[in-house]
Amino acid sequence: MLILAILKSLVGRSSPCKAILLSCLTLGVAACPAQARSCDDLTQDGKHYTVCKFDPRQDDIRTFWRGPTGAPLGSFSALAAALPAGDRLAFAMNGGMYDRDNAPVGLYIEKTEEMRRANTRSGGGNFHLKPNGVFFVGGGRAGVMETTHFLKERPSADYATQSGPMLVVGGKIHPRIHADGVSEKSRNGVGVDRDGLAVFAISNEPVTFHAFADLFHDTLHCDNALFLDGSVSALYAPELGRDDFTLPLGPMIGVVVKGK
C-alpha cells in the first residue's frame, strides 16, 4: 500500500514518467522499472546522442537569460542558484544563438515579456540559413514554427527563443541541409513530436547537419525541429550525471520542478 501511495503521488510528472507509473498501478508493482527517466542516450548510424522529452501540459518548461542583477546568467550553475528556494532545475540546455554580450540575436520571450524582437534580416551563418524558426511554450503547448509563420500567427507564448536554421520543416529536412555535407560539430536542437512532447537532443560527438536533422526526422518523429547551436552545445541533466561546462551561454531552456 505504501508503494502504491508513492506511485500515485508521482503521477502528474512528465508524460513518459506518467505512462510508466500508470502501467505500474494497472499491472502491478512487479511490472514497474526502477526509475522512469526524461533523458536517455541513443545511437543512430553509429553516432551517439542524448535525448530528453518533456510534456508542456505537465512540465514547467521555461526560457532563461538574465539573473537577478540583470546580467546574463551564463551557466547552468548560475541558473540553478537563481531559482527560488525549494525549486529545482531538472534539465537545461543552451537555448539559441547569442552575440558577444550573451544577448539573444533573435526573438526572445520570458514570462510573456518580449525582451528581444524577432530578427528577420538576411546575413551569413547558421542563424540566417532560412527558414529559421522559433521554439515556444504557452497555454500548455510547445511548438516549433518558421519565424515568418510565428510572426503571422502569433500563438500563445509565455516563453520563446528564435534560432536557426530549422532542421525539419513540415515533415521534411530543411532544403539547404544536404546529405553530402562534411562539416561535423557537436550540435543541439529541439523539436515537437506527434504526441506534443518537447524533444531536446544533443550530439555526444561531432555530427553533420544532415545527420542531426535526420535524427529529428526519422527517429524522433518531429515534423518541425530547430537547430539551437553547435560547438557550444551543452546539457544539464542530473539524472544522467550531466552538467556540461562550455563558454558563457546566452539564452537557456530549462525545466523547473517547483518546491512543495
C-alpha atoms as a PDB file:
ATOM      1  CA  MET A   1       0.000   0.000   0.000  1.00  0.00           C
ATOM      2  CA  LEU A   2       2.830   2.380   0.786  1.00  0.00           C
ATOM      3  CA  ILE A   3       4.439   1.770  -2.605  1.00  0.00           C
ATOM      4  CA  LEU A   4       1.142   2.355  -4.398  1.00  0.00           C
ATOM      5  CA  ALA A   5       0.630   5.590  -2.488  1.00  0.00           C
ATOM      6  CA  ILE A   6       4.067   6.773  -3.557  1.00  0.00           C
ATOM      7  CA  LEU A   7       3.370   5.902  -7.180  1.00  0.00           C
ATOM      8  CA  LYS A   8       0.078   7.788  -7.110  1.00  0.00           C
ATOM      9  CA  SER A   9       1.807  10.845  -5.684  1.00  0.00           C
ATOM     10  CA  LEU A  10       4.240  10.802  -8.635  1.00  0.00           C
ATOM     11  CA  VAL A  11       1.607  10.677 -11.360  1.00  0.00           C
ATOM     12  CA  GLY A  12       1.479  14.169 -12.850  1.00  0.00           C
ATOM     13  CA  ARG A  13       5.123  14.392 -13.823  1.00  0.00           C
ATOM     14  CA  SER A  14       6.327  14.271 -17.414  1.00  0.00           C
ATOM     15  CA  SER A  15       4.347  12.198 -19.888  1.00  0.00           C
ATOM     16  CA  PRO A  16       6.839   9.305 -20.262  1.00  0.00           C
ATOM     17  CA  CYS A  17       7.072   9.008 -16.493  1.00  0.00           C
ATOM     18  CA  LYS A  18       3.343   9.221 -16.080  1.00  0.00           C
ATOM     19  CA  ALA A  19       2.697   6.484 -18.631  1.00  0.00           C
ATOM     20  CA  ILE A  20       5.096   4.098 -16.912  1.00  0.00           C
ATOM     21  CA  LEU A  21       3.704   4.819 -13.462  1.00  0.00           C
ATOM     22  CA  LEU A  22       0.156   4.256 -14.638  1.00  0.00           C
ATOM     23  CA  SER A  23       1.271   0.907 -16.062  1.00  0.00           C
ATOM     24  CA  CYS A  24       2.725   0.064 -12.672  1.00  0.00           C
ATOM     25  CA  LEU A  25      -0.589   0.818 -10.981  1.00  0.00           C
ATOM     26  CA  THR A  26      -2.513  -1.211 -13.545  1.00  0.00           C
ATOM     27  CA  LEU A  27      -0.231  -4.228 -13.940  1.00  0.00           C
ATOM     28  CA  GLY A  28       1.314  -4.370 -10.507  1.00  0.00           C
ATOM     29  CA  VAL A  29       4.500  -3.147  -8.899  1.00  0.00           C
ATOM     30  CA  ALA A  30       6.495  -6.065 -10.357  1.00  0.00           C
ATOM     31  CA  ALA A  31       5.995  -4.568 -13.837  1.00  0.00           C
ATOM     32  CA  CYS A  32       7.499  -1.254 -12.766  1.00  0.00           C
ATOM     33  CA  PRO A  33      11.068  -0.321 -13.804  1.00  0.00           C
ATOM     34  CA  ALA A  34      13.458   1.046 -11.205  1.00  0.00           C
ATOM     35  CA  GLN A  35      13.104   4.624 -12.416  1.00  0.00           C
ATOM     36  CA  ALA A  36      11.429   6.491 -15.278  1.00  0.00           C
ATOM     37  CA  ARG A  37      13.761   8.995 -16.896  1.00  0.00           C
ATOM     38  CA  SER A  38      13.167  12.050 -19.032  1.00  0.00           C
ATOM     39  CA  CYS A  39      16.586  11.735 -20.708  1.00  0.00           C
ATOM     40  CA  ASP A  40      18.244   8.771 -22.373  1.00  0.00           C
ATOM     41  CA  ASP A  41      21.132   8.048 -24.699  1.00  0.00           C
ATOM     42  CA  LEU A  42      20.591   6.619 -28.164  1.00  0.00           C
ATOM     43  CA  THR A  43      22.646   5.716 -31.205  1.00  0.00           C
ATOM     44  CA  GLN A  44      21.776   6.371 -34.840  1.00  0.00           C
ATOM     45  CA  ASP A  45      24.036   5.430 -37.744  1.00  0.00           C
ATOM     46  CA  GLY A  46      26.946   4.949 -35.369  1.00  0.00           C
ATOM     47  CA  LYS A  47      26.611   8.409 -33.790  1.00  0.00           C
ATOM     48  CA  HIS A  48      25.695   8.945 -30.137  1.00  0.00           C
ATOM     49  CA  TYR A  49      23.094  11.377 -28.832  1.00  0.00           C
ATOM     50  CA  THR A  50      21.260  12.252 -25.637  1.00  0.00           C
ATOM     51  CA  VAL A  51      17.539  12.940 -25.980  1.00  0.00           C
ATOM     52  CA  CYS A  52      15.253  14.475 -23.337  1.00  0.00           C
ATOM     53  CA  LYS A  53      11.470  14.661 -23.623  1.00  0.00           C
ATOM     54  CA  PHE A  54       9.052  16.801 -21.638  1.00  0.00           C
ATOM     55  CA  ASP A  55       5.303  17.310 -21.701  1.00  0.00           C
ATOM     56  CA  PRO A  56       4.323  21.019 -21.804  1.00  0.00           C
ATOM     57  CA  ARG A  57       0.943  20.105 -20.337  1.00  0.00           C
ATOM     58  CA  GLN A  58       2.656  18.924 -17.172  1.00  0.00           C
ATOM     59  CA  ASP A  59       6.295  20.038 -17.141  1.00  0.00           C
ATOM     60  CA  ASP A  60       7.350  23.592 -16.377  1.00  0.00           C
ATOM     61  CA  ILE A  61       9.433  24.448 -19.472  1.00  0.00           C
ATOM     62  CA  ARG A  62      10.911  27.945 -19.471  1.00  0.00           C
ATOM     63  CA  THR A  63      13.498  30.149 -21.139  1.00  0.00           C
ATOM     64  CA  PHE A  64      16.180  31.896 -19.086  1.00  0.00           C
ATOM     65  CA  TRP A  65      18.648  34.644 -19.868  1.00  0.00           C
ATOM     66  CA  ARG A  66      19.318  37.252 -17.175  1.00  0.00           C
ATOM     67  CA  GLY A  67      19.815  36.770 -13.462  1.00  0.00           C
ATOM     68  CA  PRO A  68      18.656  38.881 -10.506  1.00  0.00           C
ATOM     69  CA  THR A  69      21.283  41.576 -11.223  1.00  0.00           C
ATOM     70  CA  GLY A  70      20.223  41.933 -14.845  1.00  0.00           C
ATOM     71  CA  ALA A  71      23.422  40.350 -16.154  1.00  0.00           C
ATOM     72  CA  PRO A  72      23.273  37.203 -18.284  1.00  0.00           C
ATOM     73  CA  LEU A  73      23.279  34.057 -16.157  1.00  0.00           C
ATOM     74  CA  GLY A  74      25.814  32.434 -18.431  1.00  0.00           C
ATOM     75  CA  SER A  75      25.854  28.935 -16.928  1.00  0.00           C
ATOM     76  CA  PHE A  76      23.667  26.142 -15.636  1.00  0.00           C
ATOM     77  CA  SER A  77      25.048  26.514 -12.134  1.00  0.00           C
ATOM     78  CA  ALA A  78      24.106  30.196 -12.056  1.00  0.00           C
ATOM     79  CA  LEU A  79      20.650  29.345 -13.378  1.00  0.00           C
ATOM     80  CA  ALA A  80      20.104  26.681 -10.715  1.00  0.00           C
ATOM     81  CA  ALA A  81      21.267  29.067  -7.984  1.00  0.00           C
ATOM     82  CA  ALA A  82      18.939  31.840  -9.193  1.00  0.00           C
ATOM     83  CA  LEU A  83      15.768  29.764  -8.764  1.00  0.00           C
ATOM     84  CA  PRO A  84      13.536  30.492  -5.775  1.00  0.00           C
ATOM     85  CA  ALA A  85      14.271  28.490  -2.641  1.00  0.00           C
ATOM     86  CA  GLY A  86      12.847  24.990  -2.918  1.00  0.00           C
ATOM     87  CA  ASP A  87      12.631  24.974  -6.719  1.00  0.00           C
ATOM     88  CA  ARG A  88      14.881  22.558  -8.567  1.00  0.00           C
ATOM     89  CA  LEU A  89      16.397  22.659 -12.039  1.00  0.00           C
ATOM     90  CA  ALA A  90      15.625  19.273 -13.599  1.00  0.00           C
ATOM     91  CA  PHE A  91      17.015  19.950 -17.083  1.00  0.00           C
ATOM     92  CA  ALA A  92      18.683  22.705 -19.069  1.00  0.00           C
ATOM     93  CA  MET A  93      20.227  23.269 -22.481  1.00  0.00           C
ATOM     94  CA  ASN A  94      21.684  26.250 -24.298  1.00  0.00           C
ATOM     95  CA  GLY A  95      18.691  27.812 -25.970  1.00  0.00           C
ATOM     96  CA  GLY A  96      19.592  29.713 -29.107  1.00  0.00           C
ATOM     97  CA  MET A  97      22.280  31.860 -30.657  1.00  0.00           C
ATOM     98  CA  TYR A  98      23.630  34.969 -28.961  1.00  0.00           C
ATOM     99  CA  ASP A  99      26.009  37.870 -29.524  1.00  0.00           C
ATOM    100  CA  ARG A 100      29.247  38.907 -27.813  1.00  0.00           C
ATOM    101  CA  ASP A 101      27.257  40.321 -24.899  1.00  0.00           C
ATOM    102  CA  ASN A 102      25.484  36.966 -24.414  1.00  0.00           C
ATOM    103  CA  ALA A 103      22.240  38.547 -25.628  1.00  0.00           C
ATOM    104  CA  PRO A 104      19.829  36.664 -27.914  1.00  0.00           C
ATOM    105  CA  VAL A 105      20.273  37.571 -31.588  1.00  0.00           C
ATOM    106  CA  GLY A 106      16.599  36.996 -32.331  1.00  0.00           C
ATOM    107  CA  LEU A 107      13.183  36.855 -30.702  1.00  0.00           C
ATOM    108  CA  TYR A 108      13.287  36.143 -27.002  1.00  0.00           C
ATOM    109  CA  ILE A 109      10.252  35.958 -24.697  1.00  0.00           C
ATOM    110  CA  GLU A 110      10.349  35.246 -20.971  1.00  0.00           C
ATOM    111  CA  LYS A 111       7.286  35.257 -18.707  1.00  0.00           C
ATOM    112  CA  THR A 112       5.258  36.700 -21.646  1.00  0.00           C
ATOM    113  CA  GLU A 113       7.650  39.684 -21.938  1.00  0.00           C
ATOM    114  CA  GLU A 114       9.209  40.180 -25.362  1.00  0.00           C
ATOM    115  CA  MET A 115      12.748  41.080 -24.356  1.00  0.00           C
ATOM    116  CA  ARG A 116      14.215  40.869 -27.874  1.00  0.00           C
ATOM    117  CA  ARG A 117      12.372  41.395 -31.138  1.00  0.00           C
ATOM    118  CA  ALA A 118      12.336  38.862 -33.957  1.00  0.00           C
ATOM    119  CA  ASN A 119      15.263  39.009 -36.350  1.00  0.00           C
ATOM    120  CA  THR A 120      14.114  38.681 -39.980  1.00  0.00           C
ATOM    121  CA  ARG A 121      17.235  40.128 -41.595  1.00  0.00           C
ATOM    122  CA  SER A 122      19.374  38.257 -44.087  1.00  0.00           C
ATOM    123  CA  GLY A 123      23.013  37.509 -43.430  1.00  0.00           C
ATOM    124  CA  GLY A 124      25.649  34.838 -43.083  1.00  0.00           C
ATOM    125  CA  GLY A 125      25.950  31.979 -40.636  1.00  0.00           C
ATOM    126  CA  ASN A 126      23.579  29.294 -39.472  1.00  0.00           C
ATOM    127  CA  PHE A 127      21.034  31.663 -37.938  1.00  0.00           C
ATOM    128  CA  HIS A 128      20.339  33.231 -41.335  1.00  0.00           C
ATOM    129  CA  LEU A 129      20.139  29.928 -43.241  1.00  0.00           C
ATOM    130  CA  LYS A 130      16.449  30.486 -43.821  1.00  0.00           C
ATOM    131  CA  PRO A 131      13.967  29.391 -42.891  1.00  0.00           C
ATOM    132  CA  ASN A 132      14.963  29.829 -39.292  1.00  0.00           C
ATOM    133  CA  GLY A 133      12.448  29.379 -36.534  1.00  0.00           C
ATOM    134  CA  VAL A 134      11.064  29.856 -33.043  1.00  0.00           C
ATOM    135  CA  PHE A 135      10.641  27.399 -30.203  1.00  0.00           C
ATOM    136  CA  PHE A 136       7.826  28.486 -27.881  1.00  0.00           C
ATOM    137  CA  VAL A 137       5.821  27.309 -24.888  1.00  0.00           C
ATOM    138  CA  GLY A 138       2.434  28.640 -23.853  1.00  0.00           C
ATOM    139  CA  GLY A 139      -1.049  27.543 -22.872  1.00  0.00           C
ATOM    140  CA  GLY A 140       0.121  24.004 -22.123  1.00  0.00           C
ATOM    141  CA  ARG A 141       1.578  23.634 -25.597  1.00  0.00           C
ATOM    142  CA  ALA A 142       5.078  23.596 -27.056  1.00  0.00           C
ATOM    143  CA  GLY A 143       5.770  24.388 -30.677  1.00  0.00           C
ATOM    144  CA  VAL A 144       8.415  24.979 -33.311  1.00  0.00           C
ATOM    145  CA  MET A 145       7.444  27.271 -36.182  1.00  0.00           C
ATOM    146  CA  GLU A 146       9.189  29.050 -39.008  1.00  0.00           C
ATOM    147  CA  THR A 147       9.832  32.630 -37.910  1.00  0.00           C
ATOM    148  CA  THR A 148       7.591  34.206 -40.558  1.00  0.00           C
ATOM    149  CA  HIS A 149       4.726  31.875 -39.659  1.00  0.00           C
ATOM    150  CA  PHE A 150       5.171  32.554 -35.957  1.00  0.00           C
ATOM    151  CA  LEU A 151       5.012  36.312 -36.522  1.00  0.00           C
ATOM    152  CA  LYS A 152       1.908  35.930 -38.673  1.00  0.00           C
ATOM    153  CA  GLU A 153       0.020  33.579 -36.376  1.00  0.00           C
ATOM    154  CA  ARG A 154       1.310  34.850 -33.020  1.00  0.00           C
ATOM    155  CA  PRO A 155       0.499  31.711 -30.999  1.00  0.00           C
ATOM    156  CA  SER A 156       0.288  31.983 -27.233  1.00  0.00           C
ATOM    157  CA  ALA A 157       3.886  32.147 -25.992  1.00  0.00           C
ATOM    158  CA  ASP A 158       4.855  32.575 -22.368  1.00  0.00           C
ATOM    159  CA  TYR A 159       8.402  31.658 -23.371  1.00  0.00           C
ATOM    160  CA  ALA A 160      10.106  31.688 -26.769  1.00  0.00           C
ATOM    161  CA  THR A 161      13.516  31.743 -28.382  1.00  0.00           C
ATOM    162  CA  GLN A 162      14.495  32.199 -32.031  1.00  0.00           C
ATOM    163  CA  SER A 163      17.359  30.326 -33.648  1.00  0.00           C
ATOM    164  CA  GLY A 164      18.287  28.811 -36.964  1.00  0.00           C
ATOM    165  CA  PRO A 165      18.174  27.100 -39.214  1.00  0.00           C
ATOM    166  CA  MET A 166      15.115  24.929 -38.978  1.00  0.00           C
ATOM    167  CA  LEU A 167      16.215  21.296 -39.128  1.00  0.00           C
ATOM    168  CA  VAL A 168      12.861  19.842 -40.131  1.00  0.00           C
ATOM    169  CA  VAL A 169      10.116  21.909 -41.784  1.00  0.00           C
ATOM    170  CA  GLY A 170       6.633  20.499 -42.311  1.00  0.00           C
ATOM    171  CA  GLY A 171       7.877  16.931 -42.109  1.00  0.00           C
ATOM    172  CA  LYS A 172      10.844  17.431 -44.451  1.00  0.00           C
ATOM    173  CA  ILE A 173      14.520  18.117 -43.765  1.00  0.00           C
ATOM    174  CA  HIS A 174      15.471  21.762 -44.448  1.00  0.00           C
ATOM    175  CA  PRO A 175      16.077  22.010 -48.231  1.00  0.00           C
ATOM    176  CA  ARG A 176      19.514  23.598 -47.768  1.00  0.00           C
ATOM    177  CA  ILE A 177      20.786  20.887 -45.414  1.00  0.00           C
ATOM    178  CA  HIS A 178      22.396  18.399 -47.768  1.00  0.00           C
ATOM    179  CA  ALA A 179      23.252  14.759 -47.185  1.00  0.00           C
ATOM    180  CA  ASP A 180      26.727  15.258 -48.701  1.00  0.00           C
ATOM    181  CA  GLY A 181      27.757  17.911 -46.153  1.00  0.00           C
ATOM    182  CA  VAL A 182      31.033  17.067 -44.418  1.00  0.00           C
ATOM    183  CA  SER A 183      31.298  19.640 -41.597  1.00  0.00           C
ATOM    184  CA  GLU A 184      30.989  17.862 -38.264  1.00  0.00           C
ATOM    185  CA  LYS A 185      30.414  19.631 -34.940  1.00  0.00           C
ATOM    186  CA  SER A 186      28.681  18.968 -31.649  1.00  0.00           C
ATOM    187  CA  ARG A 187      25.098  20.161 -32.108  1.00  0.00           C
ATOM    188  CA  ASN A 188      21.883  20.574 -30.148  1.00  0.00           C
ATOM    189  CA  GLY A 189      18.308  21.302 -31.085  1.00  0.00           C
ATOM    190  CA  VAL A 190      14.643  20.978 -30.201  1.00  0.00           C
ATOM    191  CA  GLY A 191      11.535  19.637 -31.876  1.00  0.00           C
ATOM    192  CA  VAL A 192       7.979  18.718 -31.019  1.00  0.00           C
ATOM    193  CA  ASP A 193       6.887  15.160 -31.713  1.00  0.00           C
ATOM    194  CA  ARG A 194       3.486  13.905 -32.769  1.00  0.00           C
ATOM    195  CA  ASP A 195       2.445  13.391 -29.148  1.00  0.00           C
ATOM    196  CA  GLY A 196       3.054  17.084 -28.426  1.00  0.00           C
ATOM    197  CA  LEU A 197       6.194  16.454 -26.370  1.00  0.00           C
ATOM    198  CA  ALA A 198       9.088  18.904 -26.490  1.00  0.00           C
ATOM    199  CA  VAL A 199      12.068  16.843 -27.646  1.00  0.00           C
ATOM    200  CA  PHE A 200      15.584  18.109 -26.932  1.00  0.00           C
ATOM    201  CA  ALA A 201      18.629  16.423 -28.443  1.00  0.00           C
ATOM    202  CA  ILE A 202      22.382  16.930 -28.211  1.00  0.00           C
ATOM    203  CA  SER A 203      25.088  15.050 -30.070  1.00  0.00           C
ATOM    204  CA  ASN A 204      27.725  13.484 -27.877  1.00  0.00           C
ATOM    205  CA  GLU A 205      30.282  13.677 -30.659  1.00  0.00           C
ATOM    206  CA  PRO A 206      30.679  15.790 -33.810  1.00  0.00           C
ATOM    207  CA  VAL A 207      27.983  15.130 -36.439  1.00  0.00           C
ATOM    208  CA  THR A 208      26.968  16.682 -39.745  1.00  0.00           C
ATOM    209  CA  PHE A 209      23.959  18.960 -40.055  1.00  0.00           C
ATOM    210  CA  HIS A 210      22.157  16.341 -42.118  1.00  0.00           C
ATOM    211  CA  ALA A 211      22.793  13.547 -39.618  1.00  0.00           C
ATOM    212  CA  PHE A 212      21.413  15.749 -36.854  1.00  0.00           C
ATOM    213  CA  ALA A 213      18.357  16.766 -38.874  1.00  0.00           C
ATOM    214  CA  ASP A 214      17.797  13.125 -39.778  1.00  0.00           C
ATOM    215  CA  LEU A 215      17.729  12.228 -36.083  1.00  0.00           C
ATOM    216  CA  PHE A 216      14.725  14.511 -35.548  1.00  0.00           C
ATOM    217  CA  HIS A 217      13.065  13.468 -38.808  1.00  0.00           C
ATOM    218  CA  ASP A 218      13.488   9.688 -38.833  1.00  0.00           C
ATOM    219  CA  THR A 219      13.976   8.647 -35.205  1.00  0.00           C
ATOM    220  CA  LEU A 220      12.319  11.307 -33.037  1.00  0.00           C
ATOM    221  CA  HIS A 221       9.371  11.819 -35.426  1.00  0.00           C
ATOM    222  CA  CYS A 222       9.319  15.597 -35.198  1.00  0.00           C
ATOM    223  CA  ASP A 223       7.583  17.295 -38.130  1.00  0.00           C
ATOM    224  CA  ASN A 224       9.239  20.564 -37.116  1.00  0.00           C
ATOM    225  CA  ALA A 225      12.602  20.906 -35.385  1.00  0.00           C
ATOM    226  CA  LEU A 226      15.003  23.770 -34.756  1.00  0.00           C
ATOM    227  CA  PHE A 227      18.787  23.948 -34.540  1.00  0.00           C
ATOM    228  CA  LEU A 228      19.826  25.694 -31.327  1.00  0.00           C
ATOM    229  CA  ASP A 229      23.610  25.867 -31.760  1.00  0.00           C
ATOM    230  CA  GLY A 230      26.820  23.993 -32.368  1.00  0.00           C
ATOM    231  CA  SER A 231      30.226  23.773 -30.691  1.00  0.00           C
ATOM    232  CA  VAL A 232      28.919  25.484 -27.520  1.00  0.00           C
ATOM    233  CA  SER A 233      26.216  22.832 -27.174  1.00  0.00           C
ATOM    234  CA  ALA A 234      25.752  21.857 -23.530  1.00  0.00           C
ATOM    235  CA  LEU A 235      23.354  19.828 -21.410  1.00  0.00           C
ATOM    236  CA  TYR A 236      22.330  19.826 -17.758  1.00  0.00           C
ATOM    237  CA  ALA A 237      20.657  16.514 -16.906  1.00  0.00           C
ATOM    238  CA  PRO A 238      21.332  15.490 -13.283  1.00  0.00           C
ATOM    239  CA  GLU A 239      19.565  12.156 -13.725  1.00  0.00           C
ATOM    240  CA  LEU A 240      22.359  11.252 -16.184  1.00  0.00           C
ATOM    241  CA  GLY A 241      25.101  12.953 -14.191  1.00  0.00           C
ATOM    242  CA  ARG A 242      25.461  15.618 -16.916  1.00  0.00           C
ATOM    243  CA  ASP A 243      26.449  19.185 -16.087  1.00  0.00           C
ATOM    244  CA  ASP A 244      28.375  20.260 -19.177  1.00  0.00           C
ATOM    245  CA  PHE A 245      30.764  23.169 -18.955  1.00  0.00           C
ATOM    246  CA  THR A 246      31.217  25.369 -22.008  1.00  0.00           C
ATOM    247  CA  LEU A 247      31.730  29.010 -22.932  1.00  0.00           C
ATOM    248  CA  PRO A 248      29.442  31.508 -21.169  1.00  0.00           C
ATOM    249  CA  LEU A 249      25.934  30.983 -22.524  1.00  0.00           C
ATOM    250  CA  GLY A 250      23.224  33.360 -23.619  1.00  0.00           C
ATOM    251  CA  PRO A 251      19.616  32.152 -23.561  1.00  0.00           C
ATOM    252  CA  MET A 252      18.917  28.786 -21.988  1.00  0.00           C
ATOM    253  CA  ILE A 253      15.895  26.484 -21.906  1.00  0.00           C
ATOM    254  CA  GLY A 254      15.166  24.718 -18.645  1.00  0.00           C
ATOM    255  CA  VAL A 255      12.622  22.585 -16.830  1.00  0.00           C
ATOM    256  CA  VAL A 256      11.845  23.541 -13.259  1.00  0.00           C
ATOM    257  CA  VAL A 257      10.334  21.372 -10.536  1.00  0.00           C
ATOM    258  CA  LYS A 258       8.510  23.583  -8.062  1.00  0.00           C
ATOM    259  CA  GLY A 259       9.151  23.201  -4.359  1.00  0.00           C
ATOM    260  CA  LYS A 260       6.402  21.886  -2.133  1.00  0.00           C
END
